[in-house]
Amino acid sequence: MRYINIENRGEVKVMSLKKWADKNRMYLKLEEDKPLKCKYIKYEEFVDKANDDKGKIRYFLEVNGNEKILESQSIALAELMSGVNFGAVIVITRRGTGRQTTYEVNDASGQVDKDN
């Protein structure tokens, strides 16, 4: 494993390149079966010119104090997120790949909704 040095107020901190990349990446990629705790900020619809002009949603989420973007064209995820209020702290979990992908969205106190 390679490390980089990050200077912070005179201290030198060692951080793996993976952690550095995750911290500084603007776009999120949900790993399968790995829940992501975040704060739901807002969403916007856009047309993906690189993907046959299909409509997609950009979800703006706060993760560990940093604003991140999750892009998806999943109708199921949009339906789940429609039940979440802006500012809510949620947990998003992705399962499966391709057309077999499903999502689960929970709030801090319990389940918001689930797509089976």
PDB file of N, CA and C in Angstrom:
ATOM      1  N   MET A   1       0.845  -1.177   0.000  1.00  0.00           N
ATOM      2  CA  MET A   1       0.000   0.000   0.000  1.00  0.00           C
ATOM      3  C   MET A   1       0.890   1.239   0.000  1.00  0.00           C
ATOM      4  N   ARG A   2       0.571   2.188  -0.840  1.00  0.00           N
ATOM      5  CA  ARG A   2       1.335   3.423  -0.910  1.00  0.00           C
ATOM      6  C   ARG A   2       0.654   4.486  -0.059  1.00  0.00           C
ATOM      7  N   TYR A   3       1.453   5.408   0.465  1.00  0.00           N
ATOM      8  CA  TYR A   3       0.925   6.462   1.311  1.00  0.00           C
ATOM      9  C   TYR A   3       1.382   7.817   0.810  1.00  0.00           C
ATOM     10  N   ILE A   4       0.577   8.812   1.107  1.00  0.00           N
ATOM     11  CA  ILE A   4       0.967  10.185   0.820  1.00  0.00           C
ATOM     12  C   ILE A   4       0.957  10.949   2.134  1.00  0.00           C
ATOM     13  N   ASN A   5       1.726  11.998   2.193  1.00  0.00           N
ATOM     14  CA  ASN A   5       1.749  12.834   3.387  1.00  0.00           C
ATOM     15  C   ASN A   5       0.852  14.040   3.166  1.00  0.00           C
ATOM     16  N   ILE A   6       0.012  14.314   4.123  1.00  0.00           N
ATOM     17  CA  ILE A   6      -0.858  15.479   4.087  1.00  0.00           C
ATOM     18  C   ILE A   6      -0.452  16.368   5.257  1.00  0.00           C
ATOM     19  N   GLU A   7      -0.035  17.596   4.975  1.00  0.00           N
ATOM     20  CA  GLU A   7       0.323  18.501   6.054  1.00  0.00           C
ATOM     21  C   GLU A   7      -0.910  19.254   6.505  1.00  0.00           C
ATOM     22  N   ASN A   8      -1.097  19.319   7.821  1.00  0.00           N
ATOM     23  CA  ASN A   8      -2.268  19.963   8.394  1.00  0.00           C
ATOM     24  C   ASN A   8      -1.844  20.680   9.669  1.00  0.00           C
ATOM     25  N   ARG A   9      -1.741  22.001   9.601  1.00  0.00           N
ATOM     26  CA  ARG A   9      -1.387  22.825  10.758  1.00  0.00           C
ATOM     27  C   ARG A   9      -0.092  22.369  11.426  1.00  0.00           C
ATOM     28  N   GLY A  10       0.903  22.122  10.636  1.00  0.00           N
ATOM     29  CA  GLY A  10       2.195  21.749  11.172  1.00  0.00           C
ATOM     30  C   GLY A  10       2.357  20.269  11.448  1.00  0.00           C
ATOM     31  N   GLU A  11       1.258  19.527  11.443  1.00  0.00           N
ATOM     32  CA  GLU A  11       1.342  18.086  11.670  1.00  0.00           C
ATOM     33  C   GLU A  11       1.410  17.383  10.328  1.00  0.00           C
ATOM     34  N   VAL A  12       2.056  16.253  10.292  1.00  0.00           N
ATOM     35  CA  VAL A  12       2.093  15.452   9.074  1.00  0.00           C
ATOM     36  C   VAL A  12       1.219  14.229   9.310  1.00  0.00           C
ATOM     37  N   LYS A  13       0.223  14.054   8.465  1.00  0.00           N
ATOM     38  CA  LYS A  13      -0.667  12.905   8.569  1.00  0.00           C
ATOM     39  C   LYS A  13      -0.414  11.999   7.378  1.00  0.00           C
ATOM     40  N   VAL A  14      -0.461  10.716   7.610  1.00  0.00           N
ATOM     41  CA  VAL A  14      -0.264   9.752   6.552  1.00  0.00           C
ATOM     42  C   VAL A  14      -1.633   9.191   6.171  1.00  0.00           C
ATOM     43  N   MET A  15      -1.920   9.185   4.879  1.00  0.00           N
ATOM     44  CA  MET A  15      -3.219   8.748   4.386  1.00  0.00           C
ATOM     45  C   MET A  15      -2.989   7.860   3.168  1.00  0.00           C
ATOM     46  N   SER A  16      -3.735   6.768   3.071  1.00  0.00           N
ATOM     47  CA  SER A  16      -3.587   5.921   1.893  1.00  0.00           C
ATOM     48  C   SER A  16      -4.127   6.652   0.678  1.00  0.00           C
ATOM     49  N   LEU A  17      -3.633   6.315  -0.485  1.00  0.00           N
ATOM     50  CA  LEU A  17      -4.115   6.941  -1.719  1.00  0.00           C
ATOM     51  C   LEU A  17      -5.599   6.671  -1.920  1.00  0.00           C
ATOM     52  N   LYS A  18      -6.072   5.492  -1.541  1.00  0.00           N
ATOM     53  CA  LYS A  18      -7.498   5.148  -1.660  1.00  0.00           C
ATOM     54  C   LYS A  18      -8.337   6.096  -0.805  1.00  0.00           C
ATOM     55  N   LYS A  19      -7.926   6.319   0.443  1.00  0.00           N
ATOM     56  CA  LYS A  19      -8.669   7.229   1.322  1.00  0.00           C
ATOM     57  C   LYS A  19      -8.627   8.651   0.769  1.00  0.00           C
ATOM     58  N   TRP A  20      -7.481   9.064   0.260  1.00  0.00           N
ATOM     59  CA  TRP A  20      -7.363  10.402  -0.312  1.00  0.00           C
ATOM     60  C   TRP A  20      -8.298  10.550  -1.507  1.00  0.00           C
ATOM     61  N   ALA A  21      -8.308   9.544  -2.385  1.00  0.00           N
ATOM     62  CA  ALA A  21      -9.166   9.587  -3.568  1.00  0.00           C
ATOM     63  C   ALA A  21     -10.634   9.622  -3.164  1.00  0.00           C
ATOM     64  N   ASP A  22     -11.016   8.804  -2.192  1.00  0.00           N
ATOM     65  CA  ASP A  22     -12.408   8.789  -1.736  1.00  0.00           C
ATOM     66  C   ASP A  22     -12.816  10.140  -1.153  1.00  0.00           C
ATOM     67  N   LYS A  23     -11.926  10.757  -0.405  1.00  0.00           N
ATOM     68  CA  LYS A  23     -12.229  12.045   0.217  1.00  0.00           C
ATOM     69  C   LYS A  23     -12.380  13.154  -0.827  1.00  0.00           C
ATOM     70  N   ASN A  24     -11.556  13.114  -1.874  1.00  0.00           N
ATOM     71  CA  ASN A  24     -11.520  14.203  -2.845  1.00  0.00           C
ATOM     72  C   ASN A  24     -12.354  13.962  -4.098  1.00  0.00           C
ATOM     73  N   ARG A  25     -12.942  12.801  -4.220  1.00  0.00           N
ATOM     74  CA  ARG A  25     -13.781  12.477  -5.379  1.00  0.00           C
ATOM     75  C   ARG A  25     -15.114  13.224  -5.254  1.00  0.00           C
ATOM     76  N   MET A  26     -15.540  13.877  -6.333  1.00  0.00           N
ATOM     77  CA  MET A  26     -16.805  14.599  -6.331  1.00  0.00           C
ATOM     78  C   MET A  26     -17.986  13.654  -6.536  1.00  0.00           C
ATOM     79  N   TYR A  27     -17.814  12.662  -7.401  1.00  0.00           N
ATOM     80  CA  TYR A  27     -18.896  11.740  -7.733  1.00  0.00           C
ATOM     81  C   TYR A  27     -18.781  10.466  -6.911  1.00  0.00           C
ATOM     82  N   LEU A  28     -19.916  10.008  -6.407  1.00  0.00           N
ATOM     83  CA  LEU A  28     -19.973   8.780  -5.621  1.00  0.00           C
ATOM     84  C   LEU A  28     -20.226   7.581  -6.499  1.00  0.00           C
ATOM     85  N   LYS A  29     -19.653   6.481  -6.114  1.00  0.00           N
ATOM     86  CA  LYS A  29     -19.973   5.199  -6.719  1.00  0.00           C
ATOM     87  C   LYS A  29     -20.354   4.299  -5.551  1.00  0.00           C
ATOM     88  N   LEU A  30     -21.602   3.871  -5.515  1.00  0.00           N
ATOM     89  CA  LEU A  30     -22.054   3.018  -4.423  1.00  0.00           C
ATOM     90  C   LEU A  30     -21.501   1.613  -4.617  1.00  0.00           C
ATOM     91  N   GLU A  31     -20.790   1.128  -3.611  1.00  0.00           N
ATOM     92  CA  GLU A  31     -20.272  -0.229  -3.668  1.00  0.00           C
ATOM     93  C   GLU A  31     -21.383  -1.190  -3.258  1.00  0.00           C
ATOM     94  N   GLU A  32     -21.398  -2.355  -3.874  1.00  0.00           N
ATOM     95  CA  GLU A  32     -22.451  -3.326  -3.615  1.00  0.00           C
ATOM     96  C   GLU A  32     -22.445  -3.769  -2.151  1.00  0.00           C
ATOM     97  N   ASP A  33     -23.646  -3.768  -1.550  1.00  0.00           N
ATOM     98  CA  ASP A  33     -23.876  -4.210  -0.164  1.00  0.00           C
ATOM     99  C   ASP A  33     -23.083  -3.430   0.879  1.00  0.00           C
ATOM    100  N   LYS A  34     -22.614  -2.231   0.521  1.00  0.00           N
ATOM    101  CA  LYS A  34     -21.900  -1.392   1.485  1.00  0.00           C
ATOM    102  C   LYS A  34     -22.750  -0.146   1.748  1.00  0.00           C
ATOM    103  N   PRO A  35     -23.446  -0.099   2.898  1.00  0.00           N
ATOM    104  CA  PRO A  35     -24.314   1.043   3.193  1.00  0.00           C
ATOM    105  C   PRO A  35     -23.528   2.356   3.232  1.00  0.00           C
ATOM    106  N   LEU A  36     -24.138   3.412   2.698  1.00  0.00           N
ATOM    107  CA  LEU A  36     -23.539   4.739   2.702  1.00  0.00           C
ATOM    108  C   LEU A  36     -24.425   5.662   3.520  1.00  0.00           C
ATOM    109  N   LYS A  37     -23.889   6.183   4.618  1.00  0.00           N
ATOM    110  CA  LYS A  37     -24.626   7.145   5.450  1.00  0.00           C
ATOM    111  C   LYS A  37     -24.330   8.545   4.927  1.00  0.00           C
ATOM    112  N   CYS A  38     -25.391   9.315   4.687  1.00  0.00           N
ATOM    113  CA  CYS A  38     -25.213  10.646   4.108  1.00  0.00           C
ATOM    114  C   CYS A  38     -26.400  11.537   4.450  1.00  0.00           C
ATOM    115  N   LYS A  39     -26.245  12.826   4.170  1.00  0.00           N
ATOM    116  CA  LYS A  39     -27.322  13.799   4.328  1.00  0.00           C
ATOM    117  C   LYS A  39     -27.801  14.166   2.930  1.00  0.00           C
ATOM    118  N   TYR A  40     -29.104  14.071   2.715  1.00  0.00           N
ATOM    119  CA  TYR A  40     -29.709  14.362   1.411  1.00  0.00           C
ATOM    120  C   TYR A  40     -29.901  15.870   1.282  1.00  0.00           C
ATOM    121  N   ILE A  41     -29.214  16.476   0.323  1.00  0.00           N
ATOM    122  CA  ILE A  41     -29.260  17.927   0.153  1.00  0.00           C
ATOM    123  C   ILE A  41     -30.317  18.331  -0.872  1.00  0.00           C
ATOM    124  N   LYS A  42     -30.217  17.806  -2.086  1.00  0.00           N
ATOM    125  CA  LYS A  42     -31.155  18.155  -3.152  1.00  0.00           C
ATOM    126  C   LYS A  42     -30.931  17.213  -4.324  1.00  0.00           C
ATOM    127  N   TYR A  43     -31.710  17.397  -5.373  1.00  0.00           N
ATOM    128  CA  TYR A  43     -31.498  16.645  -6.611  1.00  0.00           C
ATOM    129  C   TYR A  43     -31.747  17.566  -7.789  1.00  0.00           C
ATOM    130  N   GLU A  44     -31.256  17.154  -8.962  1.00  0.00           N
ATOM    131  CA  GLU A  44     -31.566  17.861 -10.197  1.00  0.00           C
ATOM    132  C   GLU A  44     -31.625  16.848 -11.327  1.00  0.00           C
ATOM    133  N   GLU A  45     -32.486  17.110 -12.279  1.00  0.00           N
ATOM    134  CA  GLU A  45     -32.600  16.257 -13.452  1.00  0.00           C
ATOM    135  C   GLU A  45     -31.724  16.842 -14.544  1.00  0.00           C
ATOM    136  N   PHE A  46     -31.107  15.957 -15.346  1.00  0.00           N
ATOM    137  CA  PHE A  46     -30.309  16.431 -16.469  1.00  0.00           C
ATOM    138  C   PHE A  46     -30.354  15.393 -17.581  1.00  0.00           C
ATOM    139  N   VAL A  47     -29.955  15.818 -18.772  1.00  0.00           N
ATOM    140  CA  VAL A  47     -29.904  14.924 -19.931  1.00  0.00           C
ATOM    141  C   VAL A  47     -28.460  14.513 -20.133  1.00  0.00           C
ATOM    142  N   ASP A  48     -28.237  13.213 -20.187  1.00  0.00           N
ATOM    143  CA  ASP A  48     -26.899  12.660 -20.356  1.00  0.00           C
ATOM    144  C   ASP A  48     -26.576  12.570 -21.847  1.00  0.00           C
ATOM    145  N   LYS A  49     -25.861  13.557 -22.352  1.00  0.00           N
ATOM    146  CA  LYS A  49     -25.512  13.611 -23.780  1.00  0.00           C
ATOM    147  C   LYS A  49     -24.641  12.428 -24.204  1.00  0.00           C
ATOM    148  N   ALA A  50     -23.854  11.893 -23.275  1.00  0.00           N
ATOM    149  CA  ALA A  50     -22.970  10.773 -23.599  1.00  0.00           C
ATOM    150  C   ALA A  50     -23.714   9.430 -23.592  1.00  0.00           C
ATOM    151  N   ASN A  51     -24.980   9.439 -23.179  1.00  0.00           N
ATOM    152  CA  ASN A  51     -25.735   8.192 -23.058  1.00  0.00           C
ATOM    153  C   ASN A  51     -27.070   8.310 -23.794  1.00  0.00           C
ATOM    154  N   ASP A  52     -27.029   8.614 -25.082  1.00  0.00           N
ATOM    155  CA  ASP A  52     -28.226   8.689 -25.936  1.00  0.00           C
ATOM    156  C   ASP A  52     -29.276   9.669 -25.422  1.00  0.00           C
ATOM    157  N   ASP A  53     -28.834  10.768 -24.827  1.00  0.00           N
ATOM    158  CA  ASP A  53     -29.726  11.817 -24.334  1.00  0.00           C
ATOM    159  C   ASP A  53     -30.773  11.307 -23.341  1.00  0.00           C
ATOM    160  N   LYS A  54     -30.416  10.286 -22.575  1.00  0.00           N
ATOM    161  CA  LYS A  54     -31.339   9.754 -21.569  1.00  0.00           C
ATOM    162  C   LYS A  54     -31.359  10.660 -20.349  1.00  0.00           C
ATOM    163  N   GLY A  55     -32.517  10.745 -19.713  1.00  0.00           N
ATOM    164  CA  GLY A  55     -32.638  11.527 -18.489  1.00  0.00           C
ATOM    165  C   GLY A  55     -32.000  10.812 -17.313  1.00  0.00           C
ATOM    166  N   LYS A  56     -31.337  11.586 -16.483  1.00  0.00           N
ATOM    167  CA  LYS A  56     -30.718  11.071 -15.270  1.00  0.00           C
ATOM    168  C   LYS A  56     -31.005  12.037 -14.135  1.00  0.00           C
ATOM    169  N   ILE A  57     -30.786  11.549 -12.927  1.00  0.00           N
ATOM    170  CA  ILE A  57     -30.921  12.385 -11.733  1.00  0.00           C
ATOM    171  C   ILE A  57     -29.556  12.498 -11.072  1.00  0.00           C
ATOM    172  N   ARG A  58     -29.230  13.714 -10.637  1.00  0.00           N
ATOM    173  CA  ARG A  58     -28.051  13.959  -9.807  1.00  0.00           C
ATOM    174  C   ARG A  58     -28.557  14.191  -8.387  1.00  0.00           C
ATOM    175  N   TYR A  59     -28.154  13.320  -7.478  1.00  0.00           N
ATOM    176  CA  TYR A  59     -28.491  13.491  -6.065  1.00  0.00           C
ATOM    177  C   TYR A  59     -27.289  14.135  -5.392  1.00  0.00           C
ATOM    178  N   PHE A  60     -27.510  15.248  -4.704  1.00  0.00           N
ATOM    179  CA  PHE A  60     -26.447  15.937  -3.983  1.00  0.00           C
ATOM    180  C   PHE A  60     -26.527  15.484  -2.531  1.00  0.00           C
ATOM    181  N   LEU A  61     -25.435  14.877  -2.069  1.00  0.00           N
ATOM    182  CA  LEU A  61     -25.398  14.268  -0.745  1.00  0.00           C
ATOM    183  C   LEU A  61     -24.188  14.785   0.020  1.00  0.00           C
ATOM    184  N   GLU A  62     -24.330  14.905   1.325  1.00  0.00           N
ATOM    185  CA  GLU A  62     -23.189  15.277   2.163  1.00  0.00           C
ATOM    186  C   GLU A  62     -22.678  14.018   2.842  1.00  0.00           C
ATOM    187  N   VAL A  63     -21.416  13.705   2.601  1.00  0.00           N
ATOM    188  CA  VAL A  63     -20.781  12.516   3.166  1.00  0.00           C
ATOM    189  C   VAL A  63     -19.548  12.969   3.952  1.00  0.00           C
ATOM    190  N   ASN A  64     -19.558  12.711   5.253  1.00  0.00           N
ATOM    191  CA  ASN A  64     -18.435  13.111   6.122  1.00  0.00           C
ATOM    192  C   ASN A  64     -18.090  14.588   5.964  1.00  0.00           C
ATOM    193  N   GLY A  65     -19.098  15.422   5.857  1.00  0.00           N
ATOM    194  CA  GLY A  65     -18.894  16.868   5.760  1.00  0.00           C
ATOM    195  C   GLY A  65     -18.556  17.384   4.375  1.00  0.00           C
ATOM    196  N   ASN A  66     -18.486  16.500   3.380  1.00  0.00           N
ATOM    197  CA  ASN A  66     -18.156  16.902   2.013  1.00  0.00           C
ATOM    198  C   ASN A  66     -19.337  16.647   1.084  1.00  0.00           C
ATOM    199  N   GLU A  67     -19.644  17.622   0.215  1.00  0.00           N
ATOM    200  CA  GLU A  67     -20.731  17.436  -0.747  1.00  0.00           C
ATOM    201  C   GLU A  67     -20.260  16.519  -1.873  1.00  0.00           C
ATOM    202  N   LYS A  68     -21.076  15.500  -2.154  1.00  0.00           N
ATOM    203  CA  LYS A  68     -20.791  14.530  -3.208  1.00  0.00           C
ATOM    204  C   LYS A  68     -22.012  14.418  -4.109  1.00  0.00           C
ATOM    205  N   ILE A  69     -21.801  13.883  -5.308  1.00  0.00           N
ATOM    206  CA  ILE A  69     -22.881  13.723  -6.279  1.00  0.00           C
ATOM    207  C   ILE A  69     -23.020  12.245  -6.631  1.00  0.00           C
ATOM    208  N   LEU A  70     -24.253  11.774  -6.610  1.00  0.00           N
ATOM    209  CA  LEU A  70     -24.575  10.424  -7.054  1.00  0.00           C
ATOM    210  C   LEU A  70     -25.476  10.566  -8.272  1.00  0.00           C
ATOM    211  N   GLU A  71     -25.039  10.062  -9.424  1.00  0.00           N
ATOM    212  CA  GLU A  71     -25.844  10.112 -10.643  1.00  0.00           C
ATOM    213  C   GLU A  71     -26.478   8.758 -10.883  1.00  0.00           C
ATOM    214  N   SER A  72     -27.771   8.772 -11.263  1.00  0.00           N
ATOM    215  CA  SER A  72     -28.468   7.517 -11.525  1.00  0.00           C
ATOM    216  C   SER A  72     -29.643   7.773 -12.454  1.00  0.00           C
ATOM    217  N   GLN A  73     -29.946   6.783 -13.286  1.00  0.00           N
ATOM    218  CA  GLN A  73     -31.158   6.837 -14.095  1.00  0.00           C
ATOM    219  C   GLN A  73     -32.172   5.814 -13.596  1.00  0.00           C
ATOM    220  N   SER A  74     -31.935   5.280 -12.385  1.00  0.00           N
ATOM    221  CA  SER A  74     -32.819   4.280 -11.797  1.00  0.00           C
ATOM    222  C   SER A  74     -34.153   4.895 -11.369  1.00  0.00           C
ATOM    223  N   ILE A  75     -35.227   4.398 -11.956  1.00  0.00           N
ATOM    224  CA  ILE A  75     -36.574   4.824 -11.567  1.00  0.00           C
ATOM    225  C   ILE A  75     -36.840   4.379 -10.129  1.00  0.00           C
ATOM    226  N   ALA A  76     -36.410   3.160  -9.789  1.00  0.00           N
ATOM    227  CA  ALA A  76     -36.631   2.632  -8.440  1.00  0.00           C
ATOM    228  C   ALA A  76     -35.973   3.527  -7.386  1.00  0.00           C
ATOM    229  N   LEU A  77     -34.742   3.977  -7.640  1.00  0.00           N
ATOM    230  CA  LEU A  77     -34.066   4.855  -6.686  1.00  0.00           C
ATOM    231  C   LEU A  77     -34.791   6.197  -6.600  1.00  0.00           C
ATOM    232  N   ALA A  78     -35.236   6.730  -7.726  1.00  0.00           N
ATOM    233  CA  ALA A  78     -35.968   8.000  -7.715  1.00  0.00           C
ATOM    234  C   ALA A  78     -37.244   7.878  -6.886  1.00  0.00           C
ATOM    235  N   GLU A  79     -37.951   6.756  -7.021  1.00  0.00           N
ATOM    236  CA  GLU A  79     -39.168   6.554  -6.234  1.00  0.00           C
ATOM    237  C   GLU A  79     -38.854   6.475  -4.748  1.00  0.00           C
ATOM    238  N   LEU A  80     -37.775   5.785  -4.391  1.00  0.00           N
ATOM    239  CA  LEU A  80     -37.379   5.705  -2.987  1.00  0.00           C
ATOM    240  C   LEU A  80     -37.001   7.081  -2.440  1.00  0.00           C
ATOM    241  N   MET A  81     -36.212   7.822  -3.215  1.00  0.00           N
ATOM    242  CA  MET A  81     -35.754   9.136  -2.752  1.00  0.00           C
ATOM    243  C   MET A  81     -36.882  10.153  -2.690  1.00  0.00           C
ATOM    244  N   SER A  82     -37.970   9.922  -3.438  1.00  0.00           N
ATOM    245  CA  SER A  82     -39.101  10.854  -3.391  1.00  0.00           C
ATOM    246  C   SER A  82     -39.751  10.874  -2.005  1.00  0.00           C
ATOM    247  N   GLY A  83     -39.531   9.845  -1.208  1.00  0.00           N
ATOM    248  CA  GLY A  83     -40.079   9.789   0.143  1.00  0.00           C
ATOM    249  C   GLY A  83     -39.160  10.362   1.206  1.00  0.00           C
ATOM    250  N   VAL A  84     -38.041  10.953   0.784  1.00  0.00           N
ATOM    251  CA  VAL A  84     -37.051  11.487   1.724  1.00  0.00           C
ATOM    252  C   VAL A  84     -37.066  13.008   1.675  1.00  0.00           C
ATOM    253  N   ASN A  85     -37.098  13.641   2.828  1.00  0.00           N
ATOM    254  CA  ASN A  85     -37.062  15.104   2.902  1.00  0.00           C
ATOM    255  C   ASN A  85     -35.633  15.610   2.762  1.00  0.00           C
ATOM    256  N   PHE A  86     -35.468  16.772   2.122  1.00  0.00           N
ATOM    257  CA  PHE A  86     -34.161  17.409   2.051  1.00  0.00           C
ATOM    258  C   PHE A  86     -33.670  17.649   3.471  1.00  0.00           C
ATOM    259  N   GLY A  87     -32.398  17.404   3.714  1.00  0.00           N
ATOM    260  CA  GLY A  87     -31.818  17.589   5.035  1.00  0.00           C
ATOM    261  C   GLY A  87     -31.830  16.330   5.892  1.00  0.00           C
ATOM    262  N   ALA A  88     -32.535  15.295   5.443  1.00  0.00           N
ATOM    263  CA  ALA A  88     -32.608  14.053   6.211  1.00  0.00           C
ATOM    264  C   ALA A  88     -31.285  13.291   6.127  1.00  0.00           C
ATOM    265  N   VAL A  89     -30.918  12.651   7.223  1.00  0.00           N
ATOM    266  CA  VAL A  89     -29.758  11.763   7.235  1.00  0.00           C
ATOM    267  C   VAL A  89     -30.271  10.375   6.890  1.00  0.00           C
ATOM    268  N   ILE A  90     -29.698   9.796   5.845  1.00  0.00           N
ATOM    269  CA  ILE A  90     -30.179   8.520   5.326  1.00  0.00           C
ATOM    270  C   ILE A  90     -29.026   7.538   5.132  1.00  0.00           C
ATOM    271  N   VAL A  91     -29.389   6.285   4.902  1.00  0.00           N
ATOM    272  CA  VAL A  91     -28.433   5.245   4.551  1.00  0.00           C
ATOM    273  C   VAL A  91     -28.919   4.628   3.243  1.00  0.00           C
ATOM    274  N   ILE A  92     -28.069   4.652   2.208  1.00  0.00           N
ATOM    275  CA  ILE A  92     -28.402   4.083   0.905  1.00  0.00           C
ATOM    276  C   ILE A  92     -27.552   2.822   0.717  1.00  0.00           C
ATOM    277  N   THR A  93     -28.201   1.734   0.302  1.00  0.00           N
ATOM    278  CA  THR A  93     -27.492   0.486   0.025  1.00  0.00           C
ATOM    279  C   THR A  93     -27.868   0.016  -1.370  1.00  0.00           C
ATOM    280  N   ARG A  94     -26.858  -0.324  -2.169  1.00  0.00           N
ATOM    281  CA  ARG A  94     -27.070  -0.860  -3.522  1.00  0.00           C
ATOM    282  C   ARG A  94     -26.767  -2.343  -3.511  1.00  0.00           C
ATOM    283  N   ARG A  95     -27.649  -3.112  -4.174  1.00  0.00           N
ATOM    284  CA  ARG A  95     -27.436  -4.550  -4.298  1.00  0.00           C
ATOM    285  C   ARG A  95     -27.593  -4.949  -5.760  1.00  0.00           C
ATOM    286  N   GLY A  96     -26.719  -5.831  -6.233  1.00  0.00           N
ATOM    287  CA  GLY A  96     -26.810  -6.302  -7.606  1.00  0.00           C
ATOM    288  C   GLY A  96     -26.108  -5.381  -8.577  1.00  0.00           C
ATOM    289  N   THR A  97     -26.135  -5.787  -9.864  1.00  0.00           N
ATOM    290  CA  THR A  97     -25.505  -4.997 -10.918  1.00  0.00           C
ATOM    291  C   THR A  97     -26.426  -4.934 -12.128  1.00  0.00           C
ATOM    292  N   GLY A  98     -26.184  -3.954 -12.975  1.00  0.00           N
ATOM    293  CA  GLY A  98     -26.958  -3.812 -14.213  1.00  0.00           C
ATOM    294  C   GLY A  98     -28.448  -3.726 -13.946  1.00  0.00           C
ATOM    295  N   ARG A  99     -29.211  -4.438 -14.738  1.00  0.00           N
ATOM    296  CA  ARG A  99     -30.672  -4.417 -14.597  1.00  0.00           C
ATOM    297  C   ARG A  99     -31.158  -5.128 -13.342  1.00  0.00           C
ATOM    298  N   GLN A 100     -30.276  -5.846 -12.687  1.00  0.00           N
ATOM    299  CA  GLN A 100     -30.626  -6.555 -11.448  1.00  0.00           C
ATOM    300  C   GLN A 100     -30.369  -5.703 -10.198  1.00  0.00           C
ATOM    301  N   THR A 101     -29.967  -4.457 -10.388  1.00  0.00           N
ATOM    302  CA  THR A 101     -29.657  -3.585  -9.255  1.00  0.00           C
ATOM    303  C   THR A 101     -30.922  -3.189  -8.511  1.00  0.00           C
ATOM    304  N   THR A 102     -30.861  -3.275  -7.186  1.00  0.00           N
ATOM    305  CA  THR A 102     -31.929  -2.774  -6.318  1.00  0.00           C
ATOM    306  C   THR A 102     -31.300  -1.857  -5.280  1.00  0.00           C
ATOM    307  N   TYR A 103     -32.115  -1.023  -4.673  1.00  0.00           N
ATOM    308  CA  TYR A 103     -31.645  -0.078  -3.672  1.00  0.00           C
ATOM    309  C   TYR A 103     -32.511  -0.187  -2.433  1.00  0.00           C
ATOM    310  N   GLU A 104     -31.913   0.179  -1.323  1.00  0.00           N
ATOM    311  CA  GLU A 104     -32.637   0.316  -0.067  1.00  0.00           C
ATOM    312  C   GLU A 104     -32.252   1.669   0.505  1.00  0.00           C
ATOM    313  N   VAL A 105     -33.246   2.423   0.968  1.00  0.00           N
ATOM    314  CA  VAL A 105     -33.000   3.731   1.564  1.00  0.00           C
ATOM    315  C   VAL A 105     -33.637   3.735   2.948  1.00  0.00           C
ATOM    316  N   ASN A 106     -32.819   3.987   3.968  1.00  0.00           N
ATOM    317  CA  ASN A 106     -33.287   4.049   5.348  1.00  0.00           C
ATOM    318  C   ASN A 106     -32.978   5.413   5.925  1.00  0.00           C
ATOM    319  N   ASP A 107     -33.823   5.861   6.861  1.00  0.00           N
ATOM    320  CA  ASP A 107     -33.498   7.086   7.571  1.00  0.00           C
ATOM    321  C   ASP A 107     -32.781   6.717   8.874  1.00  0.00           C
ATOM    322  N   ALA A 108     -32.417   7.718   9.671  1.00  0.00           N
ATOM    323  CA  ALA A 108     -31.635   7.476  10.880  1.00  0.00           C
ATOM    324  C   ALA A 108     -32.421   6.668  11.918  1.00  0.00           C
ATOM    325  N   SER A 109     -33.748   6.724  11.881  1.00  0.00           N
ATOM    326  CA  SER A 109     -34.550   6.044  12.907  1.00  0.00           C
ATOM    327  C   SER A 109     -35.179   4.744  12.424  1.00  0.00           C
ATOM    328  N   GLY A 110     -35.038   4.434  11.141  1.00  0.00           N
ATOM    329  CA  GLY A 110     -35.634   3.214  10.626  1.00  0.00           C
ATOM    330  C   GLY A 110     -35.800   3.276   9.138  1.00  0.00           C
ATOM    331  N   GLN A 111     -36.588   2.401   8.616  1.00  0.00           N
ATOM    332  CA  GLN A 111     -36.730   2.275   7.173  1.00  0.00           C
ATOM    333  C   GLN A 111     -37.627   3.366   6.582  1.00  0.00           C
ATOM    334  N   VAL A 112     -37.158   3.992   5.507  1.00  0.00           N
ATOM    335  CA  VAL A 112     -37.965   4.941   4.751  1.00  0.00           C
ATOM    336  C   VAL A 112     -38.793   4.155   3.740  1.00  0.00           C
ATOM    337  N   ASP A 113     -38.123   3.336   2.963  1.00  0.00           N
ATOM    338  CA  ASP A 113     -38.788   2.544   1.937  1.00  0.00           C
ATOM    339  C   ASP A 113     -37.791   1.528   1.424  1.00  0.00           C
ATOM    340  N   LYS A 114     -38.275   0.524   0.735  1.00  0.00           N
ATOM    341  CA  LYS A 114     -37.395  -0.519   0.216  1.00  0.00           C
ATOM    342  C   LYS A 114     -37.899  -0.984  -1.124  1.00  0.00           C
ATOM    343  N   ASP A 115     -36.966  -1.225  -2.074  1.00  0.00           N
ATOM    344  CA  ASP A 115     -37.302  -1.757  -3.395  1.00  0.00           C
ATOM    345  C   ASP A 115     -36.848  -3.196  -3.427  1.00  0.00           C
ATOM    346  N   ASN A 116     -37.775  -4.130  -3.662  1.00  0.00           N
ATOM    347  CA  ASN A 116     -37.414  -5.555  -3.712  1.00  0.00           C
ATOM    348  C   ASN A 116     -37.289  -6.015  -5.126  1.00  0.00           C
TER     349      ASN A 116
END
